[in-house]
C-alpha cells in the first residue's frame, strides 16, 4: 500500500488506498460563544439481552442529517469522559446527529465490559447504527461509527454486523495486537519519563506479558509466571517499573477479559472492511506507536482507507480542524 504525502488544513481528499496528511501546527478546539444550541434526547435501546443508555445530540432543524455512533476506548467509560464528550458536543455543533452512549457496564448501561469481546462491543455499536438509521431525522445512507483509542479495535467490526454503516472512523486507534499494544504503552511511558527501555529489556517485558496471557488461559502456572517476572525485574529498575502492575495471581479482576481478548489482532478486521475508513492520529502519541500501526496498514491490499496524522498532538487528540475534517468526511458518506 502506498501513502500519499500531502498538506491539508481541513478537508481530506478521498483516495483509493490511503493518505498520510500532515496538517498545520496544532490549534486546540476552543469553546465557541456563538455555538448553536443543542437538543438533547435521553435514549435506551437494546443490544442483545442488555440495555444501553445514551444521549442523542443535535442542533435544531427539520432536515435529515448524517449521524454517528461514538464508541468508547478501554476500561469503564461513560458520558462523563471528558475526551469523548468534547468530540460528542463538537460533532453535534458541526451539524451531525450524535449518539453518545455509555459503554456497556459503565454509567447507566447494562452488561459488563470485562465479559465483553470486541465483537460484542461491535454488536453494541451496530445496535446504535440501527437505531439511528430508523429515525426520521437521520439520513440512513450516512450513519458512521467513530471509535476512540481501543474503540478503534471495535469499529472495523461494525459494518459486518450492520451493513447500513456507511464508514468507520478511528481516533488514536492502534492496529497492533492487543498484547503488543499493552506493552507499547509501557515502553512509551518509559520513554516519556526519560528512562527508555533498551531493546533487550523491552523484549524481556514483552516475553513476560505473553506469559500473562498463557497463565490467564491455564497454559502456564502462576508460579512459573512469577519466576519469569522476578528474573525480568532483576534486569534493573526500568524493567521492574514496567512490570509494576503485573497480575500476581488468578484473582486479578481483569484476567477474564485478558483470557477473552488478550491475543486479539485488529488487522484482519481492517483487511476485511468493505466500507471507507478514516484513521486519525497524533504524531506525538504516547499510548500508540503510530508509525508501527501505519506500517501494519501498509501491508494490506489497497482499500478505501484515509490516514491523517496531526504531527504535534498526543493520544487525546481534540482540535477544531480535526473535528471539521471528521464531520465533513461523515457528511460525504464516508468519502464515497
Protein backbone atom coordinates (compact mmCIF):
# COMPACT_ATOMS: atom_id res chain seq x y z
CA UNK A 1 0.00 0.00 0.00
CA UNK A 2 1.43 3.39 -0.90
CA UNK A 3 0.99 6.52 1.20
CA UNK A 4 0.27 9.85 -0.44
CA UNK A 5 2.06 12.71 1.33
CA UNK A 6 0.10 15.96 1.35
CA UNK A 7 -0.54 19.07 3.43
CA UNK A 8 -4.19 19.80 4.10
CA UNK A 9 -5.69 22.21 6.62
CA UNK A 10 -9.27 20.96 7.00
CA UNK A 11 -10.59 18.67 4.28
CA UNK A 12 -9.20 15.27 3.38
CA UNK A 13 -9.45 14.24 -0.25
CA UNK A 14 -10.66 10.63 -0.69
CA UNK A 15 -8.04 8.33 -2.19
CA UNK A 16 -8.03 4.77 -3.48
CA UNK A 17 -5.64 3.39 -0.88
CA UNK A 18 -4.60 5.73 1.90
CA UNK A 19 -3.28 9.19 2.60
CA UNK A 20 -0.90 10.40 5.25
CA UNK A 21 -1.76 14.03 5.78
CA UNK A 22 0.35 16.33 7.93
CA UNK A 23 -1.80 19.35 8.82
CA UNK A 24 -0.53 22.69 10.13
CA UNK A 25 0.63 23.21 13.74
CA UNK A 26 -1.88 22.28 16.43
CA UNK A 27 -4.79 24.53 17.21
CA UNK A 28 -6.77 23.36 20.20
CA UNK A 29 -10.51 23.46 19.68
CA UNK A 30 -11.90 26.43 21.61
CA UNK A 31 -15.30 26.72 23.21
CA UNK A 32 -17.33 28.90 20.88
CA UNK A 33 -19.54 31.57 22.47
CA UNK A 34 -21.65 31.58 19.29
CA UNK A 35 -22.20 27.81 19.23
CA UNK A 36 -25.66 26.74 18.13
CA UNK A 37 -27.94 25.43 20.88
CA UNK A 38 -28.09 21.66 21.12
CA UNK A 39 -31.14 19.50 21.57
CA UNK A 40 -30.64 16.51 23.90
CA UNK A 41 -32.68 13.33 23.93
CA UNK A 42 -32.11 10.60 26.51
CA UNK A 43 -32.47 7.13 24.97
CA UNK A 44 -32.40 3.49 26.00
CA UNK A 45 -32.08 0.71 23.45
CA UNK A 46 -31.36 -3.00 23.37
CA UNK A 47 -28.19 -4.74 22.31
CA UNK A 48 -28.82 -8.45 22.63
CA UNK A 49 -30.04 -9.08 26.14
CA UNK A 50 -28.77 -5.84 27.70
CA UNK A 51 -29.97 -2.25 27.62
CA UNK A 52 -27.70 0.63 26.71
CA UNK A 53 -28.19 4.24 27.80
CA UNK A 54 -27.27 7.12 25.52
CA UNK A 55 -27.75 10.80 24.82
CA UNK A 56 -28.68 11.90 21.32
CA UNK A 57 -27.29 15.32 20.46
CA UNK A 58 -28.29 17.54 17.52
CA UNK A 59 -28.79 21.14 16.54
CA UNK A 60 -32.38 22.24 15.82
CA UNK A 61 -33.78 21.86 12.31
CA UNK A 62 -36.21 19.68 10.38
CA UNK A 63 -33.88 18.32 7.72
CA UNK A 64 -32.44 14.82 7.71
CA UNK A 65 -28.84 14.77 8.88
CA UNK A 66 -25.83 12.47 8.70
CA UNK A 67 -25.16 10.80 12.03
CA UNK A 68 -22.50 8.99 14.03
CA UNK A 69 -22.35 6.47 16.88
CA UNK A 70 -19.48 7.03 19.31
CA UNK A 71 -17.52 4.05 20.69
CA UNK A 72 -15.52 4.41 23.89
CA UNK A 73 -11.97 3.24 24.49
CA UNK A 74 -10.56 0.86 27.10
CA UNK A 75 -11.92 0.16 30.55
CA UNK A 76 -15.05 1.64 32.04
CA UNK A 77 -16.12 4.78 30.17
CA UNK A 78 -19.36 6.71 30.07
CA UNK A 79 -20.78 10.09 29.10
CA UNK A 80 -18.72 11.83 31.78
CA UNK A 81 -15.49 11.06 29.87
CA UNK A 82 -14.04 14.50 29.02
CA UNK A 83 -12.32 13.41 25.79
CA UNK A 84 -15.27 11.64 24.22
CA UNK A 85 -17.64 14.33 25.50
CA UNK A 86 -15.61 17.04 23.80
CA UNK A 87 -15.92 15.20 20.49
CA UNK A 88 -19.61 14.40 21.01
CA UNK A 89 -20.62 18.00 21.55
CA UNK A 90 -18.30 19.41 18.87
CA UNK A 91 -19.54 16.96 16.23
CA UNK A 92 -23.13 17.79 17.14
CA UNK A 93 -22.36 21.51 16.86
CA UNK A 94 -20.99 20.79 13.38
CA UNK A 95 -24.44 19.59 12.29
CA UNK A 96 -24.19 15.84 12.78
CA UNK A 97 -26.64 13.86 14.86
CA UNK A 98 -24.54 12.16 17.54
CA UNK A 99 -25.49 9.05 19.52
CA UNK A 100 -23.33 9.19 22.64
CA UNK A 101 -23.81 6.03 24.76
CA UNK A 102 -22.37 4.81 28.00
CA UNK A 103 -20.17 1.81 27.30
CA UNK A 104 -21.74 -1.47 28.44
CA UNK A 105 -21.17 -1.94 32.15
CA UNK A 106 -20.47 1.78 32.58
CA UNK A 107 -22.69 4.66 33.62
CA UNK A 108 -26.34 3.76 33.10
CA UNK A 109 -25.72 0.97 30.56
CA UNK A 110 -26.24 -2.65 31.47
CA UNK A 111 -23.85 -5.52 30.96
CA UNK A 112 -20.20 -5.92 31.86
CA UNK A 113 -17.37 -4.73 29.64
CA UNK A 114 -14.98 -7.12 31.41
CA UNK A 115 -17.04 -10.00 29.99
CA UNK A 116 -17.34 -8.46 26.52
CA UNK A 117 -15.24 -9.33 23.49
CA UNK A 118 -14.54 -6.70 20.86
CA UNK A 119 -17.13 -8.48 18.73
CA UNK A 120 -19.70 -7.95 21.49
CA UNK A 121 -18.81 -4.27 21.72
CA UNK A 122 -19.21 -4.10 17.92
CA UNK A 123 -22.69 -5.58 18.37
CA UNK A 124 -23.45 -2.67 20.74
CA UNK A 125 -22.25 -0.13 18.18
CA UNK A 126 -24.24 -1.86 15.41
CA UNK A 127 -27.38 -1.58 17.56
CA UNK A 128 -26.74 2.16 17.75
CA UNK A 129 -26.39 2.38 13.97
CA UNK A 130 -29.71 0.58 13.50
CA UNK A 131 -31.36 2.91 15.99
CA UNK A 132 -30.14 5.99 14.13
CA UNK A 133 -31.00 4.66 10.66
CA UNK A 134 -34.60 4.11 11.75
CA UNK A 135 -35.07 7.73 12.88
CA UNK A 136 -36.91 10.16 10.59
CA UNK A 137 -34.37 12.94 11.28
CA UNK A 138 -31.38 10.82 10.17
CA UNK A 139 -30.16 10.20 6.62
CA UNK A 140 -29.90 6.38 6.70
CA UNK A 141 -27.23 6.38 3.98
CA UNK A 142 -24.86 8.47 6.10
CA UNK A 143 -24.53 6.83 9.50
CA UNK A 144 -20.95 6.15 10.60
CA UNK A 145 -19.23 4.84 13.73
CA UNK A 146 -16.35 6.59 15.48
CA UNK A 147 -14.09 4.82 17.97
CA UNK A 148 -11.62 6.38 20.39
CA UNK A 149 -8.34 4.66 21.27
CA UNK A 150 -9.24 0.98 21.92
CA UNK A 151 -12.58 1.76 20.27
CA UNK A 152 -10.52 1.65 17.09
CA UNK A 153 -10.37 -2.13 17.59
CA UNK A 154 -14.16 -2.22 17.63
CA UNK A 155 -15.25 -0.02 14.73
CA UNK A 156 -13.90 -2.06 11.78
CA UNK A 157 -16.02 -4.98 13.05
CA UNK A 158 -19.28 -2.98 12.91
CA UNK A 159 -20.19 -2.93 9.18
CA UNK A 160 -20.20 -6.75 9.03
CA UNK A 161 -22.88 -6.63 11.74
CA UNK A 162 -24.79 -3.68 10.29
CA UNK A 163 -24.22 -3.21 6.53
CA UNK A 164 -26.04 0.14 6.71
CA UNK A 165 -22.97 1.64 8.42
CA UNK A 166 -21.51 3.98 5.78
CA UNK A 167 -17.98 4.15 7.18
CA UNK A 168 -15.74 3.94 10.22
CA UNK A 169 -13.53 6.49 11.95
CA UNK A 170 -10.78 5.67 14.45
CA UNK A 171 -9.24 8.40 16.61
CA UNK A 172 -5.88 7.34 18.07
CA UNK A 173 -6.64 3.67 17.46
CA UNK A 174 -3.68 1.33 17.11
CA UNK A 175 -3.59 -1.55 14.65
CA UNK A 176 -1.18 -3.78 16.59
CA UNK A 177 -2.34 -6.81 18.56
CA UNK A 178 -3.78 -6.05 21.98
CA UNK A 179 -0.84 -7.73 23.71
CA UNK A 180 1.66 -5.66 21.71
CA UNK A 181 -0.37 -2.52 22.35
CA UNK A 182 -0.39 -3.14 26.10
CA UNK A 183 3.41 -3.36 26.16
CA UNK A 184 3.77 -0.45 23.74
CA UNK A 185 2.08 1.77 26.32
CA UNK A 186 4.61 0.71 28.96
CA UNK A 187 7.52 1.30 26.58
CA UNK A 188 6.23 4.71 25.51
CA UNK A 189 5.62 5.66 29.15
CA UNK A 190 9.25 4.82 29.94
CA UNK A 191 10.42 6.96 27.02
CA UNK A 192 8.24 9.83 28.19
CA UNK A 193 9.74 9.55 31.68
CA UNK A 194 13.24 9.82 30.25
CA UNK A 195 14.12 6.18 31.04
CA UNK A 196 13.73 4.37 27.71
CA UNK A 197 13.99 0.61 27.77
CA UNK A 198 16.92 -0.97 25.97
CA UNK A 199 15.92 -3.36 23.18
CA UNK A 200 16.69 -6.48 25.22
CA UNK A 201 14.82 -5.08 28.24
CA UNK A 202 11.78 -4.37 26.08
CA UNK A 203 11.97 -7.92 24.74
CA UNK A 204 12.02 -9.24 28.32
CA UNK A 205 8.90 -7.22 29.21
CA UNK A 206 7.11 -8.49 26.10
CA UNK A 207 8.02 -12.09 26.96
CA UNK A 208 6.57 -11.74 30.46
CA UNK A 209 3.34 -10.22 29.17
CA UNK A 210 2.98 -13.05 26.67
CA UNK A 211 3.22 -15.41 29.65
CA UNK A 212 0.48 -13.46 31.44
CA UNK A 213 -1.89 -14.49 28.65
CA UNK A 214 -0.70 -18.09 28.94
CA UNK A 215 -1.25 -18.06 32.71
CA UNK A 216 -4.68 -16.46 32.34
CA UNK A 217 -5.66 -19.29 30.00
CA UNK A 218 -4.22 -22.02 32.21
CA UNK A 219 -1.36 -22.90 29.88
CA UNK A 220 1.28 -21.74 32.39
CA UNK A 221 1.33 -21.88 36.18
CA UNK A 222 1.31 -18.65 38.14
CA UNK A 223 4.45 -19.79 39.95
CA UNK A 224 6.23 -20.06 36.60
CA UNK A 225 4.98 -16.60 35.63
CA UNK A 226 6.19 -15.10 38.91
CA UNK A 227 9.61 -16.65 38.42
CA UNK A 228 9.86 -15.20 34.90
CA UNK A 229 8.69 -11.80 36.15
CA UNK A 230 11.20 -11.81 39.00
CA UNK A 231 14.02 -12.73 36.60
CA UNK A 232 13.00 -9.87 34.30
CA UNK A 233 12.77 -7.38 37.18
CA UNK A 234 16.31 -8.36 38.20
CA UNK A 235 17.50 -6.78 34.95
CA UNK A 236 17.12 -3.37 36.58
CA UNK A 237 14.73 -0.68 37.83
CA UNK A 238 13.42 0.26 34.38
CA UNK A 239 12.11 -3.25 33.71
CA UNK A 240 10.86 -3.53 37.29
CA UNK A 241 8.89 -0.32 36.82
CA UNK A 242 7.43 -1.54 33.53
CA UNK A 243 6.22 -4.70 35.28
CA UNK A 244 4.91 -2.96 38.41
CA UNK A 245 1.23 -3.58 37.58
CA UNK A 246 1.64 -7.19 36.51
CA UNK A 247 -1.11 -9.51 37.87
CA UNK A 248 0.26 -11.62 40.68
CA UNK A 249 -2.33 -14.38 40.65
CA UNK A 250 -5.59 -15.55 39.13
CA UNK A 251 -7.67 -13.26 41.39
CA UNK A 252 -6.96 -10.15 39.31
CA UNK A 253 -10.37 -8.77 38.16
CA UNK A 254 -9.26 -8.14 34.57
CA UNK A 255 -7.97 -11.65 33.86
CA UNK A 256 -11.29 -12.88 32.48
CA UNK A 257 -11.15 -10.10 29.94
CA UNK A 258 -7.50 -10.91 29.19
CA UNK A 259 -8.46 -14.52 28.51
CA UNK A 260 -11.18 -13.30 26.18
CA UNK A 261 -9.30 -10.73 24.09
CA UNK A 262 -5.62 -10.86 25.06
CA UNK A 263 -4.40 -12.01 21.65
CA UNK A 264 -6.93 -10.02 19.60
CA UNK A 265 -5.41 -8.62 16.40
CA UNK A 266 -7.42 -5.86 14.70
CA UNK A 267 -5.58 -6.10 11.37
CA UNK A 268 -7.78 -8.86 9.85
CA UNK A 269 -10.83 -6.70 10.58
CA UNK A 270 -9.25 -3.76 8.79
CA UNK A 271 -8.33 -6.05 5.89
CA UNK A 272 -11.89 -7.38 5.60
CA UNK A 273 -13.55 -3.98 5.92
CA UNK A 274 -15.53 -3.09 2.80
CA UNK A 275 -16.61 0.37 3.94
CA UNK A 276 -14.50 3.54 3.79
CA UNK A 277 -12.32 4.21 6.81
CA UNK A 278 -10.66 7.28 8.27
CA UNK A 279 -7.86 6.85 10.82
CA UNK A 280 -6.72 9.95 12.71
CA UNK A 281 -3.57 10.07 14.85
CA UNK A 282 -1.46 12.45 16.85
CA UNK A 283 2.17 12.28 15.83
CA UNK A 284 3.30 12.62 19.47
CA UNK A 285 1.02 9.85 20.76
CA UNK A 286 2.46 8.31 23.95
CA UNK A 287 -0.03 5.44 24.07
CA UNK A 288 0.05 4.13 20.49
CA UNK A 289 3.08 3.54 18.32
CA UNK A 290 1.70 5.42 15.33
CA UNK A 291 4.49 4.53 12.89
CA UNK A 292 4.18 0.83 13.70
CA UNK A 293 0.40 0.99 13.28
CA UNK A 294 0.75 2.66 9.89
CA UNK A 295 3.33 0.10 8.81
CA UNK A 296 0.78 -2.64 9.51
CA UNK A 297 -1.82 -0.81 7.43
CA UNK A 298 0.67 -0.64 4.58
CA UNK A 299 0.74 -4.44 4.43
CA UNK A 300 -2.95 -4.59 3.48
CA UNK A 301 -4.32 -4.69 -0.03
CA UNK A 302 -5.42 -1.25 -1.28
CA UNK A 303 -8.74 -0.14 0.12
CA UNK A 304 -10.71 2.97 0.95
CA UNK A 305 -8.59 3.96 3.94
CA UNK A 306 -7.62 7.56 4.64
CA UNK A 307 -4.99 8.34 7.27
CA UNK A 308 -4.41 11.73 8.93
CA UNK A 309 -1.53 12.46 11.31
CA UNK A 310 -1.59 15.69 13.32
CA UNK A 311 2.12 15.89 13.96
CA UNK A 312 2.39 17.73 17.30
CA UNK A 313 -0.63 16.21 19.03
CA UNK A 314 -0.85 13.36 21.52
CA UNK A 315 -3.24 10.49 22.17
CA UNK A 316 -6.22 12.52 23.45
CA UNK A 317 -6.41 14.35 20.14
CA UNK A 318 -9.03 17.11 20.01
CA UNK A 319 -8.74 20.19 17.82
CA UNK A 320 -11.08 22.29 15.72
CA UNK A 321 -9.72 21.28 12.32
CA UNK A 322 -9.77 17.58 13.26
CA UNK A 323 -13.44 17.86 14.25
CA UNK A 324 -14.21 19.66 10.98
CA UNK A 325 -12.35 17.04 8.97
CA UNK A 326 -14.19 14.12 10.60
CA UNK A 327 -17.56 15.83 10.33
CA UNK A 328 -17.06 16.57 6.63
CA UNK A 329 -15.91 13.01 5.97
CA UNK A 330 -19.11 11.68 7.53
CA UNK A 331 -21.25 14.24 5.71
CA UNK A 332 -19.68 12.95 2.50
CA UNK A 333 -20.97 9.49 3.38
CA UNK A 334 -17.55 8.08 4.26
CA UNK A 335 -15.88 9.92 1.37
CA UNK A 336 -17.59 7.66 -1.16
